[in-house]
Amino acid sequence: MSINDRGENATWLSQEAYDRLKAELDQHIANRPVIAAEINARREEGDLKENGGYHAAREEQGKQEGRIRYLEQLLRDAKVGEAPRSDAVAAGTVVTIRFDEDEDDTETFLLGSREIASTTELTVYSPESALGKAILGAQAGDTVTYSAPSGAEVKVTVVSFEAFAG
């Protein structure tokens, strides 16, 4: 997500979530020598073409490095604290929508980073998702349409929204 000077569309993290993610990043970085040693040990076992342990260790290293890059970027760009109040749906808001095909079908969710999903019982949708993009900037009473992954056009009305309290 891009971040501007006012923090709109920023990834907002509570101090607790930031600290948890920072600890995970530090753990992955500290684990780099362990993975490197594992790769070296497996390399010495012989023919690399048929060395499953070597390939598994290399795959694990790739996953770990990808997670490190993701966490570094997230933590570098994240804003820590409470998301600013907004008069429209923004990242960091709890949104209730109504599906226009069924007036009784509503859903309440958090529009924000998937990293915060472990800190809340709410369903979390990314602002980058089809639904997230459609409702960003909407106000209560606005009706928007988005394309579901199935290709179906879905019409929803924003019933209400409020800043996520954590």
N, C-alpha and C. Protein backbone atom coordinates (compact mmCIF):
# COMPACT_ATOMS: atom_id res chain seq x y z
N MET A 1 0.84 -1.17 0.00
CA MET A 1 0.00 0.00 0.00
C MET A 1 0.88 1.23 0.00
N SER A 2 0.45 2.23 -0.68
CA SER A 2 1.23 3.46 -0.68
C SER A 2 0.86 4.27 0.55
N ILE A 3 1.80 5.03 0.98
CA ILE A 3 1.59 5.86 2.16
C ILE A 3 1.86 7.30 1.78
N ASN A 4 0.91 8.17 2.11
CA ASN A 4 1.17 9.58 1.87
C ASN A 4 1.41 10.26 3.21
N ASP A 5 1.60 11.55 3.20
CA ASP A 5 1.98 12.27 4.41
C ASP A 5 0.94 12.18 5.53
N ARG A 6 -0.33 12.03 5.18
CA ARG A 6 -1.37 11.96 6.20
C ARG A 6 -1.61 10.53 6.66
N GLY A 7 -0.95 9.55 6.04
CA GLY A 7 -1.10 8.18 6.48
C GLY A 7 -2.31 7.49 5.89
N GLU A 8 -2.96 8.09 4.91
CA GLU A 8 -4.11 7.46 4.29
C GLU A 8 -3.63 6.24 3.51
N ASN A 9 -4.42 5.18 3.56
CA ASN A 9 -4.10 3.91 2.90
C ASN A 9 -2.84 3.27 3.45
N ALA A 10 -2.39 3.72 4.60
CA ALA A 10 -1.23 3.11 5.25
C ALA A 10 -1.66 1.82 5.93
N THR A 11 -0.68 0.98 6.19
CA THR A 11 -0.94 -0.19 7.02
C THR A 11 -0.73 0.26 8.46
N TRP A 12 -1.81 0.29 9.21
CA TRP A 12 -1.74 0.70 10.60
C TRP A 12 -1.62 -0.53 11.47
N LEU A 13 -0.66 -0.52 12.38
CA LEU A 13 -0.45 -1.63 13.30
C LEU A 13 -0.46 -1.11 14.73
N SER A 14 -1.06 -1.89 15.62
CA SER A 14 -0.95 -1.55 17.03
C SER A 14 0.51 -1.79 17.43
N GLN A 15 0.91 -1.22 18.56
CA GLN A 15 2.28 -1.43 19.02
C GLN A 15 2.53 -2.91 19.25
N GLU A 16 1.51 -3.61 19.77
CA GLU A 16 1.63 -5.04 20.03
C GLU A 16 1.87 -5.82 18.73
N ALA A 17 1.10 -5.51 17.69
CA ALA A 17 1.27 -6.20 16.41
C ALA A 17 2.64 -5.88 15.81
N TYR A 18 3.06 -4.62 15.89
CA TYR A 18 4.37 -4.23 15.37
C TYR A 18 5.47 -5.01 16.08
N ASP A 19 5.38 -5.06 17.42
CA ASP A 19 6.41 -5.75 18.20
C ASP A 19 6.43 -7.24 17.87
N ARG A 20 5.26 -7.85 17.69
CA ARG A 20 5.18 -9.28 17.35
C ARG A 20 5.82 -9.55 16.00
N LEU A 21 5.54 -8.70 15.01
CA LEU A 21 6.11 -8.87 13.68
C LEU A 21 7.61 -8.60 13.67
N LYS A 22 8.05 -7.63 14.46
CA LYS A 22 9.48 -7.33 14.57
C LYS A 22 10.22 -8.52 15.19
N ALA A 23 9.61 -9.14 16.20
CA ALA A 23 10.22 -10.32 16.84
C ALA A 23 10.31 -11.47 15.84
N GLU A 24 9.26 -11.64 15.02
CA GLU A 24 9.30 -12.69 14.00
C GLU A 24 10.41 -12.42 12.99
N LEU A 25 10.54 -11.17 12.56
CA LEU A 25 11.60 -10.80 11.62
C LEU A 25 12.97 -11.09 12.23
N ASP A 26 13.17 -10.67 13.47
CA ASP A 26 14.46 -10.90 14.14
C ASP A 26 14.76 -12.40 14.24
N GLN A 27 13.74 -13.20 14.50
CA GLN A 27 13.93 -14.65 14.60
C GLN A 27 14.33 -15.25 13.25
N HIS A 28 13.68 -14.80 12.17
CA HIS A 28 14.04 -15.29 10.84
C HIS A 28 15.47 -14.90 10.48
N ILE A 29 15.86 -13.68 10.79
CA ILE A 29 17.22 -13.22 10.49
C ILE A 29 18.24 -14.03 11.30
N ALA A 30 17.93 -14.26 12.57
CA ALA A 30 18.84 -15.04 13.41
C ALA A 30 18.95 -16.49 12.93
N ASN A 31 17.93 -16.98 12.23
CA ASN A 31 17.90 -18.36 11.75
C ASN A 31 18.66 -18.55 10.43
N ARG A 32 19.08 -17.46 9.81
CA ARG A 32 19.80 -17.57 8.53
C ARG A 32 21.01 -18.49 8.59
N PRO A 33 21.89 -18.36 9.60
CA PRO A 33 23.05 -19.24 9.65
C PRO A 33 22.67 -20.73 9.80
N VAL A 34 21.58 -21.01 10.50
CA VAL A 34 21.13 -22.39 10.68
C VAL A 34 20.75 -22.99 9.33
N ILE A 35 20.00 -22.23 8.53
CA ILE A 35 19.59 -22.71 7.20
C ILE A 35 20.82 -22.86 6.30
N ALA A 36 21.74 -21.90 6.36
CA ALA A 36 22.96 -21.98 5.54
C ALA A 36 23.77 -23.23 5.92
N ALA A 37 23.87 -23.52 7.20
CA ALA A 37 24.61 -24.70 7.65
C ALA A 37 23.92 -25.98 7.17
N GLU A 38 22.60 -25.99 7.20
CA GLU A 38 21.83 -27.14 6.72
C GLU A 38 22.08 -27.38 5.23
N ILE A 39 22.08 -26.30 4.46
CA ILE A 39 22.34 -26.41 3.02
C ILE A 39 23.75 -26.96 2.78
N ASN A 40 24.73 -26.44 3.50
CA ASN A 40 26.10 -26.93 3.35
C ASN A 40 26.23 -28.40 3.73
N ALA A 41 25.57 -28.79 4.82
CA ALA A 41 25.63 -30.19 5.24
C ALA A 41 25.01 -31.10 4.19
N ARG A 42 23.89 -30.68 3.62
CA ARG A 42 23.21 -31.49 2.60
C ARG A 42 24.01 -31.52 1.29
N ARG A 43 24.69 -30.42 0.99
CA ARG A 43 25.49 -30.36 -0.23
C ARG A 43 26.61 -31.40 -0.19
N GLU A 44 27.15 -31.61 0.99
CA GLU A 44 28.27 -32.55 1.15
C GLU A 44 27.83 -34.01 1.06
N GLU A 45 26.52 -34.26 1.01
CA GLU A 45 26.02 -35.62 0.93
C GLU A 45 26.21 -36.23 -0.45
N GLY A 46 26.55 -35.42 -1.44
CA GLY A 46 26.80 -35.99 -2.76
C GLY A 46 25.99 -35.33 -3.85
N ASP A 47 25.64 -36.13 -4.85
CA ASP A 47 24.96 -35.69 -6.06
C ASP A 47 23.76 -34.80 -5.74
N LEU A 48 23.81 -33.53 -6.19
CA LEU A 48 22.74 -32.58 -5.89
C LEU A 48 21.46 -32.86 -6.66
N LYS A 49 21.56 -33.56 -7.80
CA LYS A 49 20.37 -33.85 -8.60
C LYS A 49 19.38 -34.73 -7.84
N GLU A 50 19.91 -35.65 -7.05
CA GLU A 50 19.06 -36.61 -6.36
C GLU A 50 19.11 -36.41 -4.84
N ASN A 51 19.43 -35.22 -4.41
CA ASN A 51 19.57 -34.94 -2.99
C ASN A 51 18.34 -34.17 -2.49
N GLY A 52 17.34 -34.92 -2.04
CA GLY A 52 16.10 -34.30 -1.59
C GLY A 52 16.29 -33.38 -0.40
N GLY A 53 17.18 -33.75 0.53
CA GLY A 53 17.43 -32.91 1.70
C GLY A 53 18.00 -31.56 1.31
N TYR A 54 18.89 -31.56 0.33
CA TYR A 54 19.48 -30.30 -0.15
C TYR A 54 18.40 -29.40 -0.76
N HIS A 55 17.57 -29.99 -1.63
CA HIS A 55 16.53 -29.20 -2.29
C HIS A 55 15.49 -28.68 -1.29
N ALA A 56 15.17 -29.49 -0.30
CA ALA A 56 14.23 -29.05 0.74
C ALA A 56 14.81 -27.89 1.54
N ALA A 57 16.10 -27.97 1.87
CA ALA A 57 16.75 -26.89 2.62
C ALA A 57 16.79 -25.60 1.79
N ARG A 58 17.08 -25.73 0.50
CA ARG A 58 17.10 -24.55 -0.38
C ARG A 58 15.70 -23.94 -0.48
N GLU A 59 14.67 -24.79 -0.58
CA GLU A 59 13.29 -24.29 -0.65
C GLU A 59 12.93 -23.55 0.64
N GLU A 60 13.31 -24.12 1.78
CA GLU A 60 13.04 -23.48 3.06
C GLU A 60 13.76 -22.13 3.14
N GLN A 61 14.98 -22.07 2.64
CA GLN A 61 15.73 -20.82 2.63
C GLN A 61 15.00 -19.77 1.79
N GLY A 62 14.48 -20.18 0.64
CA GLY A 62 13.74 -19.25 -0.22
C GLY A 62 12.50 -18.71 0.45
N LYS A 63 11.77 -19.58 1.13
CA LYS A 63 10.56 -19.15 1.85
C LYS A 63 10.93 -18.17 2.96
N GLN A 64 11.97 -18.50 3.69
CA GLN A 64 12.40 -17.64 4.79
C GLN A 64 12.85 -16.27 4.29
N GLU A 65 13.61 -16.24 3.21
CA GLU A 65 14.08 -14.96 2.67
C GLU A 65 12.91 -14.13 2.15
N GLY A 66 11.93 -14.79 1.55
CA GLY A 66 10.74 -14.08 1.08
C GLY A 66 9.99 -13.45 2.24
N ARG A 67 9.84 -14.19 3.33
CA ARG A 67 9.15 -13.67 4.52
C ARG A 67 9.94 -12.52 5.12
N ILE A 68 11.26 -12.63 5.15
CA ILE A 68 12.09 -11.54 5.67
C ILE A 68 11.87 -10.27 4.85
N ARG A 69 11.92 -10.40 3.52
CA ARG A 69 11.71 -9.21 2.67
C ARG A 69 10.33 -8.61 2.90
N TYR A 70 9.30 -9.46 2.99
CA TYR A 70 7.94 -8.98 3.21
C TYR A 70 7.83 -8.23 4.54
N LEU A 71 8.36 -8.83 5.62
CA LEU A 71 8.27 -8.20 6.93
C LEU A 71 9.07 -6.90 6.98
N GLU A 72 10.25 -6.88 6.36
CA GLU A 72 11.04 -5.64 6.35
C GLU A 72 10.27 -4.52 5.68
N GLN A 73 9.65 -4.81 4.54
CA GLN A 73 8.87 -3.79 3.82
C GLN A 73 7.66 -3.35 4.64
N LEU A 74 6.94 -4.32 5.20
CA LEU A 74 5.75 -4.00 5.99
C LEU A 74 6.11 -3.12 7.17
N LEU A 75 7.13 -3.50 7.92
CA LEU A 75 7.50 -2.74 9.11
C LEU A 75 8.10 -1.38 8.76
N ARG A 76 8.78 -1.29 7.63
CA ARG A 76 9.35 -0.01 7.20
C ARG A 76 8.24 0.99 6.86
N ASP A 77 7.17 0.51 6.24
CA ASP A 77 6.11 1.40 5.77
C ASP A 77 4.94 1.56 6.75
N ALA A 78 4.85 0.68 7.74
CA ALA A 78 3.70 0.69 8.64
C ALA A 78 3.69 1.93 9.53
N LYS A 79 2.50 2.32 9.89
CA LYS A 79 2.30 3.37 10.87
C LYS A 79 1.88 2.68 12.16
N VAL A 80 2.48 3.06 13.26
CA VAL A 80 2.17 2.45 14.54
C VAL A 80 1.28 3.40 15.32
N GLY A 81 0.21 2.87 15.84
CA GLY A 81 -0.72 3.68 16.62
C GLY A 81 -2.14 3.46 16.13
N GLU A 82 -2.96 4.44 16.38
CA GLU A 82 -4.36 4.35 15.99
C GLU A 82 -4.56 5.03 14.64
N ALA A 83 -5.25 4.36 13.75
CA ALA A 83 -5.53 4.93 12.43
C ALA A 83 -6.34 6.21 12.59
N PRO A 84 -6.09 7.20 11.76
CA PRO A 84 -6.84 8.45 11.88
C PRO A 84 -8.31 8.23 11.55
N ARG A 85 -9.15 9.02 12.17
CA ARG A 85 -10.58 8.96 11.88
C ARG A 85 -10.81 9.43 10.45
N SER A 86 -11.80 8.84 9.82
CA SER A 86 -12.04 9.17 8.43
C SER A 86 -13.54 9.32 8.20
N ASP A 87 -13.90 10.15 7.23
CA ASP A 87 -15.32 10.30 6.89
C ASP A 87 -15.70 9.37 5.74
N ALA A 88 -14.78 8.48 5.38
CA ALA A 88 -15.03 7.50 4.33
C ALA A 88 -14.29 6.21 4.69
N VAL A 89 -14.70 5.11 4.07
CA VAL A 89 -14.04 3.83 4.32
C VAL A 89 -12.57 3.93 3.92
N ALA A 90 -11.69 3.49 4.82
CA ALA A 90 -10.25 3.52 4.58
C ALA A 90 -9.65 2.28 5.22
N ALA A 91 -8.40 2.02 4.90
CA ALA A 91 -7.71 0.92 5.56
C ALA A 91 -7.71 1.18 7.06
N GLY A 92 -7.96 0.15 7.84
CA GLY A 92 -8.01 0.31 9.29
C GLY A 92 -9.41 0.56 9.81
N THR A 93 -10.42 0.36 8.98
CA THR A 93 -11.79 0.55 9.43
C THR A 93 -12.52 -0.78 9.47
N VAL A 94 -13.45 -0.88 10.42
CA VAL A 94 -14.35 -2.02 10.50
C VAL A 94 -15.59 -1.61 9.70
N VAL A 95 -15.93 -2.42 8.71
CA VAL A 95 -16.99 -2.07 7.76
C VAL A 95 -18.11 -3.10 7.83
N THR A 96 -19.33 -2.61 7.80
CA THR A 96 -20.49 -3.50 7.65
C THR A 96 -21.11 -3.20 6.30
N ILE A 97 -21.27 -4.26 5.50
CA ILE A 97 -21.89 -4.12 4.18
C ILE A 97 -23.13 -4.99 4.11
N ARG A 98 -24.01 -4.63 3.18
CA ARG A 98 -25.20 -5.43 2.90
C ARG A 98 -25.13 -5.82 1.43
N PHE A 99 -25.36 -7.09 1.17
CA PHE A 99 -25.38 -7.57 -0.21
C PHE A 99 -26.73 -7.21 -0.80
N ASP A 100 -26.74 -6.51 -1.92
CA ASP A 100 -27.97 -5.98 -2.47
C ASP A 100 -28.95 -7.05 -2.96
N GLU A 101 -28.44 -8.25 -3.25
CA GLU A 101 -29.35 -9.31 -3.70
C GLU A 101 -30.16 -9.88 -2.55
N ASP A 102 -29.72 -9.67 -1.31
CA ASP A 102 -30.43 -10.20 -0.14
C ASP A 102 -30.30 -9.18 0.98
N GLU A 103 -31.34 -8.44 1.24
CA GLU A 103 -31.31 -7.36 2.24
C GLU A 103 -30.92 -7.85 3.64
N ASP A 104 -31.14 -9.15 3.93
CA ASP A 104 -30.81 -9.68 5.25
C ASP A 104 -29.37 -10.19 5.34
N ASP A 105 -28.67 -10.21 4.22
CA ASP A 105 -27.30 -10.74 4.19
C ASP A 105 -26.31 -9.59 4.38
N THR A 106 -25.76 -9.51 5.61
CA THR A 106 -24.76 -8.48 5.90
C THR A 106 -23.47 -9.16 6.35
N GLU A 107 -22.41 -8.41 6.26
CA GLU A 107 -21.11 -8.91 6.72
C GLU A 107 -20.33 -7.75 7.32
N THR A 108 -19.71 -8.03 8.46
CA THR A 108 -18.86 -7.04 9.12
C THR A 108 -17.43 -7.58 9.10
N PHE A 109 -16.49 -6.75 8.70
CA PHE A 109 -15.10 -7.18 8.57
C PHE A 109 -14.17 -5.99 8.76
N LEU A 110 -12.91 -6.31 8.93
CA LEU A 110 -11.87 -5.29 9.04
C LEU A 110 -11.20 -5.14 7.68
N LEU A 111 -11.07 -3.93 7.23
CA LEU A 111 -10.35 -3.66 5.99
C LEU A 111 -8.93 -3.30 6.41
N GLY A 112 -8.00 -4.22 6.21
CA GLY A 112 -6.63 -3.95 6.66
C GLY A 112 -5.67 -5.05 6.27
N SER A 113 -4.52 -5.01 6.87
CA SER A 113 -3.44 -5.94 6.58
C SER A 113 -3.75 -7.33 7.12
N ARG A 114 -3.38 -8.34 6.36
CA ARG A 114 -3.61 -9.71 6.82
C ARG A 114 -2.80 -10.01 8.07
N GLU A 115 -1.76 -9.24 8.33
CA GLU A 115 -0.92 -9.46 9.51
C GLU A 115 -1.69 -9.22 10.79
N ILE A 116 -2.74 -8.42 10.73
CA ILE A 116 -3.50 -8.14 11.94
C ILE A 116 -4.56 -9.20 12.20
N ALA A 117 -4.76 -10.11 11.25
CA ALA A 117 -5.79 -11.14 11.38
C ALA A 117 -5.62 -11.97 12.65
N SER A 118 -4.39 -12.20 13.08
CA SER A 118 -4.17 -13.01 14.28
C SER A 118 -4.51 -12.27 15.56
N THR A 119 -4.77 -10.98 15.47
CA THR A 119 -5.06 -10.20 16.68
C THR A 119 -6.54 -9.87 16.82
N THR A 120 -7.38 -10.37 15.91
CA THR A 120 -8.80 -10.07 15.96
C THR A 120 -9.61 -11.27 15.51
N GLU A 121 -10.85 -11.32 15.97
CA GLU A 121 -11.74 -12.39 15.52
C GLU A 121 -12.49 -11.98 14.25
N LEU A 122 -12.36 -10.73 13.86
CA LEU A 122 -13.01 -10.27 12.63
C LEU A 122 -12.35 -10.88 11.41
N THR A 123 -13.13 -11.09 10.37
CA THR A 123 -12.56 -11.44 9.07
C THR A 123 -11.81 -10.22 8.58
N VAL A 124 -10.66 -10.41 7.95
CA VAL A 124 -9.86 -9.30 7.46
C VAL A 124 -9.78 -9.38 5.95
N TYR A 125 -10.18 -8.28 5.28
CA TYR A 125 -10.04 -8.17 3.84
C TYR A 125 -8.98 -7.12 3.54
N SER A 126 -8.14 -7.39 2.58
CA SER A 126 -7.11 -6.46 2.17
C SER A 126 -7.72 -5.31 1.38
N PRO A 127 -7.20 -4.10 1.55
CA PRO A 127 -7.64 -2.99 0.71
C PRO A 127 -7.31 -3.23 -0.76
N GLU A 128 -6.40 -4.18 -1.02
CA GLU A 128 -6.01 -4.51 -2.39
C GLU A 128 -6.95 -5.54 -3.03
N SER A 129 -7.83 -6.17 -2.22
CA SER A 129 -8.78 -7.16 -2.75
C SER A 129 -9.83 -6.45 -3.60
N ALA A 130 -10.57 -7.23 -4.37
CA ALA A 130 -11.61 -6.64 -5.22
C ALA A 130 -12.63 -5.87 -4.38
N LEU A 131 -13.09 -6.49 -3.29
CA LEU A 131 -14.06 -5.81 -2.41
C LEU A 131 -13.40 -4.59 -1.77
N GLY A 132 -12.17 -4.75 -1.28
CA GLY A 132 -11.47 -3.64 -0.64
C GLY A 132 -11.33 -2.44 -1.54
N LYS A 133 -10.90 -2.67 -2.78
CA LYS A 133 -10.75 -1.57 -3.74
C LYS A 133 -12.09 -0.90 -4.02
N ALA A 134 -13.15 -1.69 -4.07
CA ALA A 134 -14.47 -1.14 -4.40
C ALA A 134 -15.01 -0.24 -3.30
N ILE A 135 -14.74 -0.59 -2.03
CA ILE A 135 -15.33 0.20 -0.94
C ILE A 135 -14.42 1.30 -0.40
N LEU A 136 -13.14 1.29 -0.78
CA LEU A 136 -12.26 2.38 -0.33
C LEU A 136 -12.83 3.72 -0.75
N GLY A 137 -12.96 4.62 0.18
CA GLY A 137 -13.47 5.95 -0.12
C GLY A 137 -14.99 6.05 -0.09
N ALA A 138 -15.68 4.92 0.05
CA ALA A 138 -17.15 4.96 0.10
C ALA A 138 -17.61 5.47 1.46
N GLN A 139 -18.83 5.95 1.49
CA GLN A 139 -19.43 6.42 2.73
C GLN A 139 -20.66 5.58 3.03
N ALA A 140 -21.17 5.69 4.25
CA ALA A 140 -22.36 4.94 4.63
C ALA A 140 -23.49 5.29 3.66
N GLY A 141 -24.14 4.26 3.15
CA GLY A 141 -25.24 4.44 2.19
C GLY A 141 -24.81 4.29 0.75
N ASP A 142 -23.51 4.35 0.47
CA ASP A 142 -23.02 4.19 -0.91
C ASP A 142 -23.13 2.74 -1.35
N THR A 143 -23.51 2.55 -2.60
CA THR A 143 -23.57 1.22 -3.20
C THR A 143 -22.45 1.12 -4.22
N VAL A 144 -21.70 0.02 -4.15
CA VAL A 144 -20.58 -0.21 -5.07
C VAL A 144 -20.72 -1.59 -5.68
N THR A 145 -20.06 -1.79 -6.80
CA THR A 145 -20.05 -3.08 -7.47
C THR A 145 -18.60 -3.52 -7.64
N TYR A 146 -18.38 -4.81 -7.42
CA TYR A 146 -17.03 -5.36 -7.64
C TYR A 146 -17.16 -6.72 -8.30
N SER A 147 -16.07 -7.17 -8.91
CA SER A 147 -16.04 -8.48 -9.55
C SER A 147 -15.49 -9.49 -8.56
N ALA A 148 -16.29 -10.50 -8.23
CA ALA A 148 -15.86 -11.57 -7.34
C ALA A 148 -14.85 -12.45 -8.09
N PRO A 149 -14.07 -13.24 -7.36
CA PRO A 149 -13.11 -14.13 -8.01
C PRO A 149 -13.76 -15.06 -9.04
N SER A 150 -15.04 -15.38 -8.84
CA SER A 150 -15.76 -16.24 -9.79
C SER A 150 -16.10 -15.51 -11.09
N GLY A 151 -15.91 -14.19 -11.08
CA GLY A 151 -16.25 -13.38 -12.25
C GLY A 151 -17.61 -12.72 -12.14
N ALA A 152 -18.39 -13.11 -11.14
CA ALA A 152 -19.72 -12.52 -10.94
C ALA A 152 -19.59 -11.08 -10.44
N GLU A 153 -20.48 -10.24 -10.91
CA GLU A 153 -20.54 -8.87 -10.43
C GLU A 153 -21.38 -8.84 -9.16
N VAL A 154 -20.82 -8.31 -8.07
CA VAL A 154 -21.50 -8.29 -6.78
C VAL A 154 -21.74 -6.84 -6.39
N LYS A 155 -22.97 -6.55 -6.00
CA LYS A 155 -23.35 -5.20 -5.59
C LYS A 155 -23.54 -5.19 -4.07
N VAL A 156 -22.86 -4.27 -3.39
CA VAL A 156 -22.99 -4.16 -1.95
C VAL A 156 -23.21 -2.70 -1.56
N THR A 157 -23.87 -2.53 -0.42
CA THR A 157 -24.08 -1.19 0.13
C THR A 157 -23.34 -1.10 1.45
N VAL A 158 -22.61 -0.01 1.64
CA VAL A 158 -21.91 0.21 2.91
C VAL A 158 -22.95 0.66 3.92
N VAL A 159 -23.15 -0.16 4.95
CA VAL A 159 -24.12 0.16 5.99
C VAL A 159 -23.49 1.11 7.01
N SER A 160 -22.27 0.76 7.47
CA SER A 160 -21.58 1.59 8.45
C SER A 160 -20.10 1.25 8.45
N PHE A 161 -19.31 2.12 9.08
CA PHE A 161 -17.88 1.87 9.25
C PHE A 161 -17.39 2.68 10.43
N GLU A 162 -16.32 2.18 11.05
CA GLU A 162 -15.71 2.89 12.17
C GLU A 162 -14.25 2.47 12.25
N ALA A 163 -13.45 3.29 12.88
CA ALA A 163 -12.03 2.96 13.03
C ALA A 163 -11.88 1.71 13.87
N PHE A 164 -10.94 0.86 13.50
CA PHE A 164 -10.67 -0.36 14.23
C PHE A 164 -10.01 -0.01 15.56
N ALA A 165 -10.55 -0.51 16.65
CA ALA A 165 -10.04 -0.17 17.97
C ALA A 165 -8.99 -1.17 18.47
N GLY A 166 -8.78 -2.23 17.73
CA GLY A 166 -7.76 -3.20 18.09
C GLY A 166 -8.30 -4.22 19.02
